[in-house]
Amino acid sequence: MGEFRVHHIRFFEWTPQPVQCLAYNKSQQKLALSRSNGGIEIWDLTDDWYLEDVVPGKEGRSVEGLVWQGNRLFTAGLHGNVTEIDLVALQTKLSCSSNAGPIWCLTSNPSGSRLAAGTEEGCVVLFNTEDGALEYLSRFDSQESRILCLCWHPTEDLIVTGGIDNIRLWSVSSGRAVQRMTLARQDKNKETVVWCVAFLSDMTIVSGDSRGKTSFWNGRHGTVIKSISSHKSDVYCLGVDPSETMVVSSGVDSKVVQFSYVAERENSDWRDWVPTFLHNQHTHDVRAIQVIDNQVVTGGVDTNLILYSIKRHITQKPKMKERNQWRRIPSLPQKPLVHVAGKENVVMLQYPNYLEVWRLGYTDKSGVNGDILSLTSNPIKLIQLKTKGGSPVYCSALAPTAKVLAYSDGETVRTYTITMENLKSIQPEVSMCRIQGDTNRGADGAHCMCFLSDGERLVTVTTSSRLQLLGLESGKVTVEHTFPALSESYHLLCASSDDRYAAAADHACNVHIYSLTSKQHVCSVPHMTSQVTALAFHPDGTQLVMAYANQKIVEFDVDEEQYSDWTRANMQKFMRSWLTRRSKITNIAYNPSNTSQIVFNDEQLFCILDKTQKFPDSGISWQRLCSPNPDHPSAFHLCKNYKFLLQLTPLPDNWLVAVERPPLDMYSSLPEALKRKKFGT
């Protein structure tokens, strides 16, 4: 496999944000997730939880409610507007004010023609969403305090709301309260806050409140059926399975409690809500729950998603193996945020609303395999470029010459020239100047971008999902060509180092290849049933390698317009232990020092796939794959020395740039969790 010298970078201070809301689209099998900074993520469940799109958050815009209606996604927050998100442009499509102050919660009627929002001024506001519209419809009578949660009954005649000390039942047709349920206080001077409600078909209302209680109410009579002290502190969220025989609750104490609607005795018609299972894998508050098929999905302040298997049978105590059926999905970016200009030893780091350019450290020492070499010069931050008005960075790129950088804020592309002198000195001289856009035809906002080898041209995927070729000559950004749209959802882009081709992957599992010389579509890679998660051209531009969400690595010959000989020989030889991996490959490239080697990584490991060596047996275990036998070398060479690995870039002369974000550093900024008493303390 050979030895590599590694630039091990740990100064990228990328930090994930807490999960705020979850919303599931059953028809598309996609989960929308909002975070505390207002960002929205779209996860594809058909590809085993692949993060396919991110709508960056904006300063001062929170997302307190998230709702799907068919293929439309709506959000609402403390800015007081309900907005529809354009899932192609990844921007706001429509917006409508509540006219009643900040919005704390949002829900949809079952038929998908109306939205209801609970506001700071204590009223429910209805919006019409029929025929692609989003318009203010009406508002209910106001109550004395803010509405923090609400839910629409399946028959669409009633809405239940929760607030301070009470739960109300509202008639949709009249806009008036028809039932009021008052909650007791644990302390006379401390209000009871109803944080979450659910409304079942049989008129049962489920609520979670600040006393740590999950309560079940008879909605017809306004009486409590059962109140269970399920948590040690506030209950923030509830989830209900489609059969309405199971409810899940969680909150500040991070416990996830499952309640089942079961017969109290065998062969009895009398049924009751009984707490049946308890999970506790989060470290901090849980803010959102979704029940998806046979799984419970939770997210909260610790930024991760946790998936639990639903337990349907409670007649006997579950086995230890059944108790531990859960999975953590780390909140890591699945698109590159690091760009490397290898020949200049310069890297650019992308943060939510600014960019940093660093000169890498270097050493003149040598050693044996495994040695940590002391630096002759430490890394130096050369540039910090903040976006205009704090707008979010959608994507960025650094030219291979490190003389030009670019980023998009979703509205336009901004490019800058960089002049660096005495780069290896202790204090390099750095200056930067913006390249102005063409006043007649400016560049469109972009989701993906990459420079060509000379740094004088830039390829982008625009917000309308078209490939655009930009020229940076004569001190001006000009649009040289816009390719006709072949897809509505490009999310990955790369260009060949000889500047002949560009390749773009979409969410429909297609990869299209364009000629940058003839400015035409050349061909498409054969369609697969899984999305591409990373792609790169061979240094000579003749082949394209792709990593798919199903863990397969495929090489396509662009000149022959078919799979390469290596792919045709090995397509069906991938090991079962490899194909059942869950972490997605986020970066892939050919080794410049040995182009028969493909280097790629996910957040847990990096791998060198040697095309000159044989694949292991299909039944090889993961343990044996990670511990190779020198007497029987295989094509896969794995390294698990890093966690979490955000970027891996091979450079000439057997150098690697590895950007790691250790878990302790990444989660060190989290607030204190609720203290739990442990045995023996």
Foldseek 3Di string as FASTA:
>chain_A
DDFFAEQEAAPQQAFFFFWAEWEADQVQRWIWTAGQQGKIWIFHPVLPTDTQDIQFHFPPFGWQEWYDQHPWIWTFFQVQKIFIADPLLSHTDDIEGQVQGGWQYKDAAPNRQKIWTWHQQAKIWIFGCPPNDTYTDGIADGDDGTWNEKEAANVRQWMWTWAWQWIFIAGPVHSYTPAIAGDDDPDPPDIKGWQYWYAYNQRWIWTWIFCCWIWIARRVVRGTPDIDNNDNGGWHEKEADPVRQKMWIFFFQQKIWIWGFADPDPPDPDTDTDTADIDHDDQGTWHYWYDDDQWIWITGRLNKIKIAGHDDDRPDDDDPVNNPRMDIDHNFDLAAQKEDLDVQQKIWGFHFFKIWIKRAFADPDDDDPPDDDDTPAHIDTDDIGGHPPSQTWLEKEAASVNQKIWTFSSAAIKMKGKDWDPSVDNDIDIDIDTQEEDPVDGGGGFNYKYAAHVRQWMWGQHSQRWIWIWGCPPSYIDTPDIADHPDSAWHDKDAANVRQWIWTWGPQQKIWIAGPVVGGTQAIAPGDNFGWSEKYAQNVRQKIWTATSQGFIFIAGRVVRYTDPLCVVCVPQAAPQRSPDRFGWRYWDAAPADRQWIWTDGQFKIKIFRSVFAADHNHDHPVDLQVDDPVRDGRIHMDRPAGGWSDWDHDPPNHIYTYGHHPCSNSVPRDRGPDDDDPPD
